[in-house]
């Protein structure tokens, strides 16, 4: 056999092998997507709310001149409304929250993709970059709370702020305390004192990494959460970090004490003793300095920075025991 025939034969074999590989890859992708669609269908049934007075909504609402995404879930509309202000910045909790399903028996749980985050970022892209400021996002949060009061027929809502969301949450309750029946900070950021304490422990910083998160549903198979959602979540996370994180960001160059130490809203700090991202000690010192109509500092032994996600049942227990009774009843 001459060399040209040999080369053609080798070429045909290579093409045939390539087609077989592509066909196998396409088949695997099709099977994977089919299985994911099946799991999403099953998971939708698991998470569905069937109670007569329940609520299960996801929608865009006009906030701060743009469309922002919120999700509302609960088994009884008469329950207190709990607005969860996520961390990150840019850390949407939509696909991570299946472990909170037990919360929905006692609270109407609201998640909000903040400006520059997840589905809200999907609507705007990077065009809102110049508006990524604490003042603008504080006002966004206030507008979300005002919408919830009207939409859910409530006088006030409970605000739970995690990490970056706790920094934003304090700004919200200082500016509009009339909207909130209680504030719960977890992974509470104070500002420079937190970062200073963290800098003294460089070997421990940022080791929490979400290990031990409790999911009832895999984040990759959450009903309605698409791969495109994941793409925009990652893009929004990058944008939010660019403008709100790091040594030049607002958390590193501010101290919540500058807002004043007197509060007119009941204050709760739920803190993990093994939180190396936002150490417990600065939060304790700040808590001792503030005054409020009622305040409680709750330590969760062995818990890390992601307390609401890796200890959701313990978190709920304390919410029900300490906070729920402070909520206002529905408006008549």
C-alpha atoms as a PDB file:
ATOM      1  CA  UNK A   1       0.000   0.000   0.000  1.00  0.00           C
ATOM      2  CA  UNK A   2       1.475   3.366  -1.045  1.00  0.00           C
ATOM      3  CA  UNK A   3       1.755   6.254   1.393  1.00  0.00           C
ATOM      4  CA  UNK A   4      -1.154   8.281  -0.059  1.00  0.00           C
ATOM      5  CA  UNK A   5      -3.586   5.394   0.385  1.00  0.00           C
ATOM      6  CA  UNK A   6      -2.256   4.838   3.892  1.00  0.00           C
ATOM      7  CA  UNK A   7      -2.770   8.499   4.745  1.00  0.00           C
ATOM      8  CA  UNK A   8      -6.341   8.455   3.422  1.00  0.00           C
ATOM      9  CA  UNK A   9      -7.100   5.353   5.447  1.00  0.00           C
ATOM     10  CA  UNK A  10      -5.684   6.930   8.605  1.00  0.00           C
ATOM     11  CA  UNK A  11      -7.666  10.105   7.899  1.00  0.00           C
ATOM     12  CA  UNK A  12     -10.946   8.167   7.449  1.00  0.00           C
ATOM     13  CA  UNK A  13     -10.331   6.301  10.701  1.00  0.00           C
ATOM     14  CA  UNK A  14      -9.612   9.564  12.521  1.00  0.00           C
ATOM     15  CA  UNK A  15     -12.815  11.134  11.184  1.00  0.00           C
ATOM     16  CA  UNK A  16     -14.812   8.050  12.132  1.00  0.00           C
ATOM     17  CA  UNK A  17     -13.337   8.072  15.635  1.00  0.00           C
ATOM     18  CA  UNK A  18     -14.064  11.786  15.987  1.00  0.00           C
ATOM     19  CA  UNK A  19     -17.705  11.282  14.962  1.00  0.00           C
ATOM     20  CA  UNK A  20     -18.088   8.455  17.463  1.00  0.00           C
ATOM     21  CA  UNK A  21     -16.645  10.644  20.226  1.00  0.00           C
ATOM     22  CA  UNK A  22     -18.949  13.533  19.296  1.00  0.00           C
ATOM     23  CA  UNK A  23     -21.964  11.221  19.169  1.00  0.00           C
ATOM     24  CA  UNK A  24     -21.108   9.815  22.592  1.00  0.00           C
ATOM     25  CA  UNK A  25     -20.641  13.319  23.977  1.00  0.00           C
ATOM     26  CA  UNK A  26     -23.983  14.473  22.560  1.00  0.00           C
ATOM     27  CA  UNK A  27     -25.667  11.416  24.008  1.00  0.00           C
ATOM     28  CA  UNK A  28     -24.153  12.017  27.425  1.00  0.00           C
ATOM     29  CA  UNK A  29     -25.211  15.669  27.370  1.00  0.00           C
ATOM     30  CA  UNK A  30     -28.728  14.731  26.299  1.00  0.00           C
ATOM     31  CA  UNK A  31     -28.987  12.121  29.043  1.00  0.00           C
ATOM     32  CA  UNK A  32     -27.591  14.573  31.600  1.00  0.00           C
ATOM     33  CA  UNK A  33     -30.014  17.327  30.611  1.00  0.00           C
ATOM     34  CA  UNK A  34     -32.888  14.873  30.553  1.00  0.00           C
ATOM     35  CA  UNK A  35     -32.045  13.632  34.022  1.00  0.00           C
ATOM     36  CA  UNK A  36     -31.712  17.194  35.282  1.00  0.00           C
ATOM     37  CA  UNK A  37     -35.136  18.049  33.826  1.00  0.00           C
ATOM     38  CA  UNK A  38     -36.592  14.982  35.539  1.00  0.00           C
ATOM     39  CA  UNK A  39     -34.996  15.926  38.886  1.00  0.00           C
ATOM     40  CA  UNK A  40     -36.272  19.493  38.537  1.00  0.00           C
ATOM     41  CA  UNK A  41     -39.792  18.160  38.009  1.00  0.00           C
ATOM     42  CA  UNK A  42     -39.530  15.905  41.078  1.00  0.00           C
ATOM     43  CA  UNK A  43     -37.990  18.710  43.130  1.00  0.00           C
ATOM     44  CA  UNK A  44     -40.733  21.116  42.122  1.00  0.00           C
ATOM     45  CA  UNK A  45     -43.236  18.721  43.670  1.00  0.00           C
ATOM     46  CA  UNK A  46     -41.122  18.452  46.820  1.00  0.00           C
ATOM     47  CA  UNK A  47     -40.943  22.224  47.234  1.00  0.00           C
ATOM     48  CA  UNK A  48     -44.488  23.011  46.108  1.00  0.00           C
ATOM     49  CA  UNK A  49     -46.667  24.789  48.654  1.00  0.00           C
ATOM     50  CA  UNK A  50     -50.181  23.339  48.806  1.00  0.00           C
ATOM     51  CA  UNK A  51     -51.628  24.946  51.930  1.00  0.00           C
ATOM     52  CA  UNK A  52     -54.844  26.937  51.401  1.00  0.00           C
ATOM     53  CA  UNK A  53     -53.340  30.231  52.535  1.00  0.00           C
ATOM     54  CA  UNK A  54     -49.849  29.630  51.159  1.00  0.00           C
ATOM     55  CA  UNK A  55     -47.858  31.789  48.809  1.00  0.00           C
ATOM     56  CA  UNK A  56     -45.281  30.824  46.187  1.00  0.00           C
ATOM     57  CA  UNK A  57     -44.236  33.658  43.899  1.00  0.00           C
ATOM     58  CA  UNK A  58     -41.237  34.826  41.930  1.00  0.00           C
ATOM     59  CA  UNK A  59     -41.313  38.146  40.127  1.00  0.00           C
ATOM     60  CA  UNK A  60     -39.535  41.249  38.961  1.00  0.00           C
ATOM     61  CA  UNK A  61     -40.555  44.446  40.714  1.00  0.00           C
ATOM     62  CA  UNK A  62     -39.502  48.046  39.967  1.00  0.00           C
ATOM     63  CA  UNK A  63     -36.891  49.000  42.574  1.00  0.00           C
ATOM     64  CA  UNK A  64     -34.514  51.926  42.313  1.00  0.00           C
ATOM     65  CA  UNK A  65     -35.284  52.548  38.658  1.00  0.00           C
ATOM     66  CA  UNK A  66     -34.589  48.969  37.513  1.00  0.00           C
ATOM     67  CA  UNK A  67     -36.358  45.608  37.614  1.00  0.00           C
ATOM     68  CA  UNK A  68     -35.188  43.518  40.571  1.00  0.00           C
ATOM     69  CA  UNK A  69     -36.046  39.888  41.322  1.00  0.00           C
ATOM     70  CA  UNK A  70     -37.692  38.663  44.503  1.00  0.00           C
ATOM     71  CA  UNK A  71     -38.993  35.254  45.554  1.00  0.00           C
ATOM     72  CA  UNK A  72     -41.739  34.848  48.160  1.00  0.00           C
ATOM     73  CA  UNK A  73     -42.577  31.508  49.782  1.00  0.00           C
ATOM     74  CA  UNK A  74     -44.616  30.548  52.818  1.00  0.00           C
ATOM     75  CA  UNK A  75     -47.336  28.190  53.997  1.00  0.00           C
ATOM     76  CA  UNK A  76     -49.499  30.891  55.586  1.00  0.00           C
ATOM     77  CA  UNK A  77     -49.757  34.504  54.471  1.00  0.00           C
ATOM     78  CA  UNK A  78     -50.634  35.464  58.022  1.00  0.00           C
ATOM     79  CA  UNK A  79     -47.165  34.484  59.218  1.00  0.00           C
ATOM     80  CA  UNK A  80     -44.495  37.147  59.778  1.00  0.00           C
ATOM     81  CA  UNK A  81     -42.574  38.230  56.701  1.00  0.00           C
ATOM     82  CA  UNK A  82     -38.841  37.524  56.804  1.00  0.00           C
ATOM     83  CA  UNK A  83     -36.694  39.395  54.273  1.00  0.00           C
ATOM     84  CA  UNK A  84     -33.324  37.677  53.823  1.00  0.00           C
ATOM     85  CA  UNK A  85     -30.612  40.069  52.642  1.00  0.00           C
ATOM     86  CA  UNK A  86     -27.906  37.904  51.098  1.00  0.00           C
ATOM     87  CA  UNK A  87     -24.178  38.259  51.401  1.00  0.00           C
ATOM     88  CA  UNK A  88     -21.423  38.135  48.841  1.00  0.00           C
ATOM     89  CA  UNK A  89     -21.648  40.858  47.699  1.00  0.00           C
ATOM     90  CA  UNK A  90     -23.502  39.329  44.789  1.00  0.00           C
ATOM     91  CA  UNK A  91     -24.196  36.056  46.598  1.00  0.00           C
ATOM     92  CA  UNK A  92     -27.714  35.157  45.497  1.00  0.00           C
ATOM     93  CA  UNK A  93     -29.294  32.501  47.707  1.00  0.00           C
ATOM     94  CA  UNK A  94     -32.059  31.436  45.321  1.00  0.00           C
ATOM     95  CA  UNK A  95     -30.503  28.091  44.387  1.00  0.00           C
ATOM     96  CA  UNK A  96     -29.112  27.440  47.871  1.00  0.00           C
ATOM     97  CA  UNK A  97     -32.206  27.808  50.003  1.00  0.00           C
ATOM     98  CA  UNK A  98     -33.971  24.429  49.888  1.00  0.00           C
ATOM     99  CA  UNK A  99     -32.772  23.814  53.434  1.00  0.00           C
ATOM    100  CA  UNK A 100     -34.999  26.688  54.494  1.00  0.00           C
ATOM    101  CA  UNK A 101     -38.208  24.887  53.559  1.00  0.00           C
ATOM    102  CA  UNK A 102     -39.026  24.315  57.276  1.00  0.00           C
ATOM    103  CA  UNK A 103     -38.826  28.079  57.787  1.00  0.00           C
ATOM    104  CA  UNK A 104     -41.803  28.480  55.475  1.00  0.00           C
ATOM    105  CA  UNK A 105     -44.116  26.938  58.065  1.00  0.00           C
ATOM    106  CA  UNK A 106     -43.461  29.836  60.447  1.00  0.00           C
ATOM    107  CA  UNK A 107     -42.466  32.725  58.172  1.00  0.00           C
ATOM    108  CA  UNK A 108     -43.155  34.058  54.725  1.00  0.00           C
ATOM    109  CA  UNK A 109     -39.584  33.954  53.435  1.00  0.00           C
ATOM    110  CA  UNK A 110     -38.497  36.553  50.900  1.00  0.00           C
ATOM    111  CA  UNK A 111     -35.281  36.348  48.928  1.00  0.00           C
ATOM    112  CA  UNK A 112     -34.041  39.303  46.922  1.00  0.00           C
ATOM    113  CA  UNK A 113     -31.417  39.331  44.184  1.00  0.00           C
ATOM    114  CA  UNK A 114     -29.799  42.668  44.923  1.00  0.00           C
ATOM    115  CA  UNK A 115     -28.654  45.204  42.368  1.00  0.00           C
ATOM    116  CA  UNK A 116     -25.840  43.556  40.391  1.00  0.00           C
ATOM    117  CA  UNK A 117     -26.837  40.050  41.496  1.00  0.00           C
ATOM    118  CA  UNK A 118     -28.254  36.971  39.741  1.00  0.00           C
ATOM    119  CA  UNK A 119     -31.570  37.498  38.027  1.00  0.00           C
ATOM    120  CA  UNK A 120     -31.491  41.228  38.714  1.00  0.00           C
ATOM    121  CA  UNK A 121     -28.134  41.424  36.946  1.00  0.00           C
ATOM    122  CA  UNK A 122     -29.674  39.420  34.099  1.00  0.00           C
ATOM    123  CA  UNK A 123     -32.081  42.303  33.445  1.00  0.00           C
ATOM    124  CA  UNK A 124     -29.496  45.088  33.526  1.00  0.00           C
ATOM    125  CA  UNK A 125     -26.065  43.689  32.779  1.00  0.00           C
ATOM    126  CA  UNK A 126     -23.159  45.899  33.779  1.00  0.00           C
ATOM    127  CA  UNK A 127     -24.977  49.129  32.930  1.00  0.00           C
ATOM    128  CA  UNK A 128     -25.787  49.691  36.613  1.00  0.00           C
ATOM    129  CA  UNK A 129     -22.123  49.599  37.691  1.00  0.00           C
ATOM    130  CA  UNK A 130     -22.032  53.350  38.561  1.00  0.00           C
ATOM    131  CA  UNK A 131     -24.971  52.837  40.938  1.00  0.00           C
ATOM    132  CA  UNK A 132     -23.322  50.056  42.958  1.00  0.00           C
ATOM    133  CA  UNK A 133     -23.057  52.058  46.176  1.00  0.00           C
ATOM    134  CA  UNK A 134     -24.122  51.453  49.762  1.00  0.00           C
ATOM    135  CA  UNK A 135     -26.501  54.422  49.680  1.00  0.00           C
ATOM    136  CA  UNK A 136     -28.270  53.266  46.517  1.00  0.00           C
ATOM    137  CA  UNK A 137     -28.506  49.645  47.654  1.00  0.00           C
ATOM    138  CA  UNK A 138     -29.751  50.710  51.089  1.00  0.00           C
ATOM    139  CA  UNK A 139     -32.547  52.576  49.378  1.00  0.00           C
ATOM    140  CA  UNK A 140     -33.210  49.514  47.189  1.00  0.00           C
ATOM    141  CA  UNK A 141     -33.672  47.399  50.315  1.00  0.00           C
ATOM    142  CA  UNK A 142     -36.036  49.955  51.793  1.00  0.00           C
ATOM    143  CA  UNK A 143     -38.111  49.940  48.616  1.00  0.00           C
ATOM    144  CA  UNK A 144     -38.268  46.136  48.713  1.00  0.00           C
ATOM    145  CA  UNK A 145     -39.542  46.282  52.310  1.00  0.00           C
ATOM    146  CA  UNK A 146     -42.137  48.894  51.363  1.00  0.00           C
ATOM    147  CA  UNK A 147     -43.340  46.707  48.498  1.00  0.00           C
ATOM    148  CA  UNK A 148     -43.647  43.704  50.821  1.00  0.00           C
ATOM    149  CA  UNK A 149     -45.697  45.667  53.333  1.00  0.00           C
ATOM    150  CA  UNK A 150     -48.248  46.504  50.667  1.00  0.00           C
ATOM    151  CA  UNK A 151     -48.119  43.244  48.719  1.00  0.00           C
ATOM    152  CA  UNK A 152     -48.376  41.020  51.804  1.00  0.00           C
ATOM    153  CA  UNK A 153     -50.557  43.309  53.912  1.00  0.00           C
ATOM    154  CA  UNK A 154     -48.087  43.803  56.749  1.00  0.00           C
ATOM    155  CA  UNK A 155     -47.083  46.748  58.893  1.00  0.00           C
ATOM    156  CA  UNK A 156     -43.477  45.640  59.281  1.00  0.00           C
ATOM    157  CA  UNK A 157     -41.092  42.875  58.238  1.00  0.00           C
ATOM    158  CA  UNK A 158     -38.288  40.981  59.974  1.00  0.00           C
ATOM    159  CA  UNK A 159     -34.913  41.664  58.391  1.00  0.00           C
ATOM    160  CA  UNK A 160     -32.208  38.982  58.393  1.00  0.00           C
ATOM    161  CA  UNK A 161     -28.858  40.130  57.026  1.00  0.00           C
ATOM    162  CA  UNK A 162     -25.983  37.743  56.311  1.00  0.00           C
ATOM    163  CA  UNK A 163     -22.366  38.894  55.876  1.00  0.00           C
ATOM    164  CA  UNK A 164     -22.405  41.752  53.315  1.00  0.00           C
ATOM    165  CA  UNK A 165     -26.180  41.673  53.820  1.00  0.00           C
ATOM    166  CA  UNK A 166     -25.672  42.380  57.534  1.00  0.00           C
ATOM    167  CA  UNK A 167     -23.650  45.485  56.692  1.00  0.00           C
ATOM    168  CA  UNK A 168     -26.388  46.611  54.300  1.00  0.00           C
ATOM    169  CA  UNK A 169     -29.094  45.578  56.772  1.00  0.00           C
ATOM    170  CA  UNK A 170     -27.810  47.860  59.523  1.00  0.00           C
ATOM    171  CA  UNK A 171     -27.914  50.760  57.080  1.00  0.00           C
ATOM    172  CA  UNK A 172     -31.507  49.861  56.199  1.00  0.00           C
ATOM    173  CA  UNK A 173     -32.807  49.740  59.762  1.00  0.00           C
ATOM    174  CA  UNK A 174     -30.968  52.916  60.714  1.00  0.00           C
ATOM    175  CA  UNK A 175     -32.530  54.804  57.811  1.00  0.00           C
ATOM    176  CA  UNK A 176     -36.076  53.384  58.068  1.00  0.00           C
ATOM    177  CA  UNK A 177     -36.649  51.648  61.408  1.00  0.00           C
ATOM    178  CA  UNK A 178     -40.403  52.041  60.995  1.00  0.00           C
ATOM    179  CA  UNK A 179     -40.380  49.298  58.346  1.00  0.00           C
ATOM    180  CA  UNK A 180     -38.884  46.571  60.521  1.00  0.00           C
ATOM    181  CA  UNK A 181     -40.139  44.688  63.565  1.00  0.00           C
ATOM    182  CA  UNK A 182     -36.715  43.142  64.287  1.00  0.00           C
ATOM    183  CA  UNK A 183     -33.228  42.818  62.869  1.00  0.00           C
ATOM    184  CA  UNK A 184     -31.170  39.614  62.882  1.00  0.00           C
ATOM    185  CA  UNK A 185     -27.527  39.896  61.848  1.00  0.00           C
ATOM    186  CA  UNK A 186     -25.458  36.789  61.155  1.00  0.00           C
ATOM    187  CA  UNK A 187     -21.844  36.792  60.054  1.00  0.00           C
ATOM    188  CA  UNK A 188     -22.230  40.406  61.125  1.00  0.00           C
ATOM    189  CA  UNK A 189     -19.815  42.809  59.462  1.00  0.00           C
ATOM    190  CA  UNK A 190     -18.961  45.944  61.416  1.00  0.00           C
ATOM    191  CA  UNK A 191     -16.429  47.451  59.026  1.00  0.00           C
ATOM    192  CA  UNK A 192     -12.785  48.036  59.680  1.00  0.00           C
ATOM    193  CA  UNK A 193     -12.721  46.302  63.110  1.00  0.00           C
ATOM    194  CA  UNK A 194     -13.864  43.083  61.427  1.00  0.00           C
ATOM    195  CA  UNK A 195     -11.202  43.257  58.754  1.00  0.00           C
ATOM    196  CA  UNK A 196      -8.560  44.221  61.311  1.00  0.00           C
ATOM    197  CA  UNK A 197      -9.362  41.170  63.418  1.00  0.00           C
ATOM    198  CA  UNK A 198      -9.312  39.045  60.290  1.00  0.00           C
ATOM    199  CA  UNK A 199      -5.932  40.441  59.247  1.00  0.00           C
ATOM    200  CA  UNK A 200      -4.494  39.297  62.563  1.00  0.00           C
ATOM    201  CA  UNK A 201      -5.453  35.721  61.655  1.00  0.00           C
ATOM    202  CA  UNK A 202      -4.200  35.350  58.059  1.00  0.00           C
ATOM    203  CA  UNK A 203      -3.925  31.570  58.261  1.00  0.00           C
ATOM    204  CA  UNK A 204      -7.596  31.247  59.171  1.00  0.00           C
ATOM    205  CA  UNK A 205      -9.232  33.845  56.963  1.00  0.00           C
ATOM    206  CA  UNK A 206     -11.788  32.661  54.394  1.00  0.00           C
ATOM    207  CA  UNK A 207     -11.601  28.983  55.292  1.00  0.00           C
ATOM    208  CA  UNK A 208     -15.335  28.515  55.810  1.00  0.00           C
ATOM    209  CA  UNK A 209     -16.013  27.981  52.089  1.00  0.00           C
ATOM    210  CA  UNK A 210     -19.554  26.709  52.630  1.00  0.00           C
ATOM    211  CA  UNK A 211     -18.602  23.223  53.782  1.00  0.00           C
ATOM    212  CA  UNK A 212     -21.501  21.480  55.483  1.00  0.00           C
ATOM    213  CA  UNK A 213     -24.284  23.407  53.750  1.00  0.00           C
ATOM    214  CA  UNK A 214     -27.622  21.646  54.203  1.00  0.00           C
ATOM    215  CA  UNK A 215     -29.535  21.301  50.948  1.00  0.00           C
ATOM    216  CA  UNK A 216     -32.818  19.495  50.596  1.00  0.00           C
ATOM    217  CA  UNK A 217     -32.471  19.972  46.851  1.00  0.00           C
ATOM    218  CA  UNK A 218     -29.194  20.088  44.945  1.00  0.00           C
ATOM    219  CA  UNK A 219     -28.419  23.692  43.909  1.00  0.00           C
ATOM    220  CA  UNK A 220     -27.901  22.424  40.342  1.00  0.00           C
ATOM    221  CA  UNK A 221     -31.398  20.938  40.221  1.00  0.00           C
ATOM    222  CA  UNK A 222     -33.449  23.711  41.821  1.00  0.00           C
ATOM    223  CA  UNK A 223     -36.766  24.036  39.977  1.00  0.00           C
ATOM    224  CA  UNK A 224     -36.775  26.923  37.558  1.00  0.00           C
ATOM    225  CA  UNK A 225     -33.082  27.658  38.041  1.00  0.00           C
ATOM    226  CA  UNK A 226     -31.442  27.340  34.647  1.00  0.00           C
ATOM    227  CA  UNK A 227     -27.848  27.121  33.498  1.00  0.00           C
ATOM    228  CA  UNK A 228     -28.342  30.637  32.146  1.00  0.00           C
ATOM    229  CA  UNK A 229     -29.294  31.735  35.655  1.00  0.00           C
ATOM    230  CA  UNK A 230     -26.030  30.247  36.880  1.00  0.00           C
ATOM    231  CA  UNK A 231     -24.117  32.161  34.221  1.00  0.00           C
ATOM    232  CA  UNK A 232     -25.675  35.472  35.251  1.00  0.00           C
ATOM    233  CA  UNK A 233     -25.159  34.659  38.903  1.00  0.00           C
ATOM    234  CA  UNK A 234     -21.424  34.249  38.302  1.00  0.00           C
ATOM    235  CA  UNK A 235     -21.240  37.404  36.184  1.00  0.00           C
ATOM    236  CA  UNK A 236     -23.126  39.385  38.810  1.00  0.00           C
ATOM    237  CA  UNK A 237     -20.872  38.070  41.536  1.00  0.00           C
ATOM    238  CA  UNK A 238     -17.849  39.367  39.644  1.00  0.00           C
ATOM    239  CA  UNK A 239     -19.429  42.790  39.135  1.00  0.00           C
ATOM    240  CA  UNK A 240     -20.528  43.112  42.769  1.00  0.00           C
ATOM    241  CA  UNK A 241     -17.106  42.163  44.057  1.00  0.00           C
ATOM    242  CA  UNK A 242     -15.443  44.678  41.769  1.00  0.00           C
ATOM    243  CA  UNK A 243     -17.395  47.594  43.222  1.00  0.00           C
ATOM    244  CA  UNK A 244     -18.202  46.525  46.781  1.00  0.00           C
ATOM    245  CA  UNK A 245     -15.388  44.238  47.934  1.00  0.00           C
ATOM    246  CA  UNK A 246     -11.724  44.449  48.832  1.00  0.00           C
ATOM    247  CA  UNK A 247      -9.518  47.072  50.396  1.00  0.00           C
ATOM    248  CA  UNK A 248     -11.202  49.854  48.437  1.00  0.00           C
ATOM    249  CA  UNK A 249     -14.728  48.633  49.092  1.00  0.00           C
ATOM    250  CA  UNK A 250     -17.239  50.150  51.513  1.00  0.00           C
ATOM    251  CA  UNK A 251     -16.943  47.407  54.136  1.00  0.00           C
ATOM    252  CA  UNK A 252     -13.220  47.936  54.536  1.00  0.00           C
ATOM    253  CA  UNK A 253     -13.431  51.716  54.659  1.00  0.00           C
ATOM    254  CA  UNK A 254     -16.386  52.192  56.978  1.00  0.00           C
ATOM    255  CA  UNK A 255     -17.389  51.420  60.541  1.00  0.00           C
ATOM    256  CA  UNK A 256     -21.036  50.909  61.457  1.00  0.00           C
ATOM    257  CA  UNK A 257     -20.417  52.932  64.623  1.00  0.00           C
ATOM    258  CA  UNK A 258     -20.406  55.994  62.391  1.00  0.00           C
ATOM    259  CA  UNK A 259     -24.161  55.497  61.906  1.00  0.00           C
ATOM    260  CA  UNK A 260     -24.779  55.844  65.642  1.00  0.00           C
ATOM    261  CA  UNK A 261     -25.156  53.291  68.405  1.00  0.00           C
ATOM    262  CA  UNK A 262     -28.821  53.880  69.278  1.00  0.00           C
ATOM    263  CA  UNK A 263     -31.421  51.680  67.595  1.00  0.00           C
ATOM    264  CA  UNK A 264     -35.209  51.789  67.773  1.00  0.00           C
ATOM    265  CA  UNK A 265     -35.594  48.226  66.470  1.00  0.00           C
ATOM    266  CA  UNK A 266     -34.973  45.004  68.462  1.00  0.00           C
ATOM    267  CA  UNK A 267     -31.527  43.690  67.567  1.00  0.00           C
ATOM    268  CA  UNK A 268     -30.356  40.071  67.449  1.00  0.00           C
ATOM    269  CA  UNK A 269     -26.947  38.753  66.452  1.00  0.00           C
ATOM    270  CA  UNK A 270     -26.771  35.038  65.599  1.00  0.00           C
ATOM    271  CA  UNK A 271     -23.056  34.266  65.395  1.00  0.00           C
ATOM    272  CA  UNK A 272     -20.965  31.150  64.805  1.00  0.00           C
ATOM    273  CA  UNK A 273     -18.067  30.677  67.191  1.00  0.00           C
ATOM    274  CA  UNK A 274     -15.906  29.283  64.364  1.00  0.00           C
ATOM    275  CA  UNK A 275     -16.567  32.079  61.888  1.00  0.00           C
ATOM    276  CA  UNK A 276     -13.159  32.954  60.464  1.00  0.00           C
ATOM    277  CA  UNK A 277     -14.516  35.191  57.690  1.00  0.00           C
ATOM    278  CA  UNK A 278     -16.210  37.644  60.062  1.00  0.00           C
ATOM    279  CA  UNK A 279     -14.819  36.808  63.516  1.00  0.00           C
ATOM    280  CA  UNK A 280     -17.243  36.807  66.410  1.00  0.00           C
ATOM    281  CA  UNK A 281     -15.209  39.096  68.679  1.00  0.00           C
ATOM    282  CA  UNK A 282     -15.740  42.407  66.783  1.00  0.00           C
ATOM    283  CA  UNK A 283     -19.458  41.646  66.552  1.00  0.00           C
ATOM    284  CA  UNK A 284     -19.606  41.048  70.307  1.00  0.00           C
ATOM    285  CA  UNK A 285     -17.817  44.300  71.079  1.00  0.00           C
ATOM    286  CA  UNK A 286     -20.103  46.257  68.783  1.00  0.00           C
ATOM    287  CA  UNK A 287     -23.160  44.547  70.241  1.00  0.00           C
ATOM    288  CA  UNK A 288     -22.148  45.548  73.763  1.00  0.00           C
ATOM    289  CA  UNK A 289     -21.892  49.174  72.691  1.00  0.00           C
ATOM    290  CA  UNK A 290     -25.274  49.531  71.004  1.00  0.00           C
ATOM    291  CA  UNK A 291     -28.589  50.271  72.692  1.00  0.00           C
ATOM    292  CA  UNK A 292     -31.960  48.970  71.476  1.00  0.00           C
ATOM    293  CA  UNK A 293     -35.460  48.334  72.849  1.00  0.00           C
ATOM    294  CA  UNK A 294     -34.423  44.691  73.072  1.00  0.00           C
ATOM    295  CA  UNK A 295     -31.196  42.972  72.109  1.00  0.00           C
ATOM    296  CA  UNK A 296     -29.801  39.433  72.295  1.00  0.00           C
ATOM    297  CA  UNK A 297     -26.506  37.908  71.228  1.00  0.00           C
ATOM    298  CA  UNK A 298     -26.846  34.208  70.388  1.00  0.00           C
ATOM    299  CA  UNK A 299     -23.726  32.053  70.033  1.00  0.00           C
ATOM    300  CA  UNK A 300     -23.824  28.930  67.852  1.00  0.00           C
ATOM    301  CA  UNK A 301     -21.021  26.704  69.051  1.00  0.00           C
ATOM    302  CA  UNK A 302     -18.919  25.240  66.250  1.00  0.00           C
ATOM    303  CA  UNK A 303     -20.803  27.084  63.506  1.00  0.00           C
ATOM    304  CA  UNK A 304     -18.979  28.962  60.757  1.00  0.00           C
ATOM    305  CA  UNK A 305     -19.708  31.981  58.598  1.00  0.00           C
ATOM    306  CA  UNK A 306     -22.528  30.271  56.678  1.00  0.00           C
ATOM    307  CA  UNK A 307     -24.679  29.611  59.721  1.00  0.00           C
ATOM    308  CA  UNK A 308     -28.078  30.021  57.943  1.00  0.00           C
ATOM    309  CA  UNK A 309     -27.002  27.488  55.320  1.00  0.00           C
ATOM    310  CA  UNK A 310     -25.226  24.826  57.366  1.00  0.00           C
ATOM    311  CA  UNK A 311     -27.329  25.072  60.541  1.00  0.00           C
ATOM    312  CA  UNK A 312     -30.751  26.072  59.136  1.00  0.00           C
ATOM    313  CA  UNK A 313     -32.754  24.071  61.686  1.00  0.00           C
ATOM    314  CA  UNK A 314     -30.889  25.566  64.639  1.00  0.00           C
ATOM    315  CA  UNK A 315     -31.229  29.001  63.084  1.00  0.00           C
ATOM    316  CA  UNK A 316     -34.993  28.485  62.700  1.00  0.00           C
ATOM    317  CA  UNK A 317     -35.320  27.320  66.303  1.00  0.00           C
ATOM    318  CA  UNK A 318     -33.799  30.559  67.561  1.00  0.00           C
ATOM    319  CA  UNK A 319     -35.857  32.652  65.127  1.00  0.00           C
ATOM    320  CA  UNK A 320     -39.052  31.106  66.441  1.00  0.00           C
ATOM    321  CA  UNK A 321     -38.034  31.265  70.099  1.00  0.00           C
ATOM    322  CA  UNK A 322     -36.592  34.783  70.160  1.00  0.00           C
ATOM    323  CA  UNK A 323     -37.811  36.786  67.167  1.00  0.00           C
ATOM    324  CA  UNK A 324     -41.113  35.587  65.761  1.00  0.00           C
ATOM    325  CA  UNK A 325     -43.269  36.938  68.596  1.00  0.00           C
ATOM    326  CA  UNK A 326     -42.004  40.485  67.910  1.00  0.00           C
ATOM    327  CA  UNK A 327     -43.520  40.567  64.425  1.00  0.00           C
ATOM    328  CA  UNK A 328     -46.552  42.690  63.777  1.00  0.00           C
ATOM    329  CA  UNK A 329     -49.844  40.962  62.920  1.00  0.00           C
ATOM    330  CA  UNK A 330     -51.322  41.478  59.444  1.00  0.00           C
ATOM    331  CA  UNK A 331     -52.975  44.787  58.634  1.00  0.00           C
ATOM    332  CA  UNK A 332     -56.733  44.745  58.686  1.00  0.00           C
END
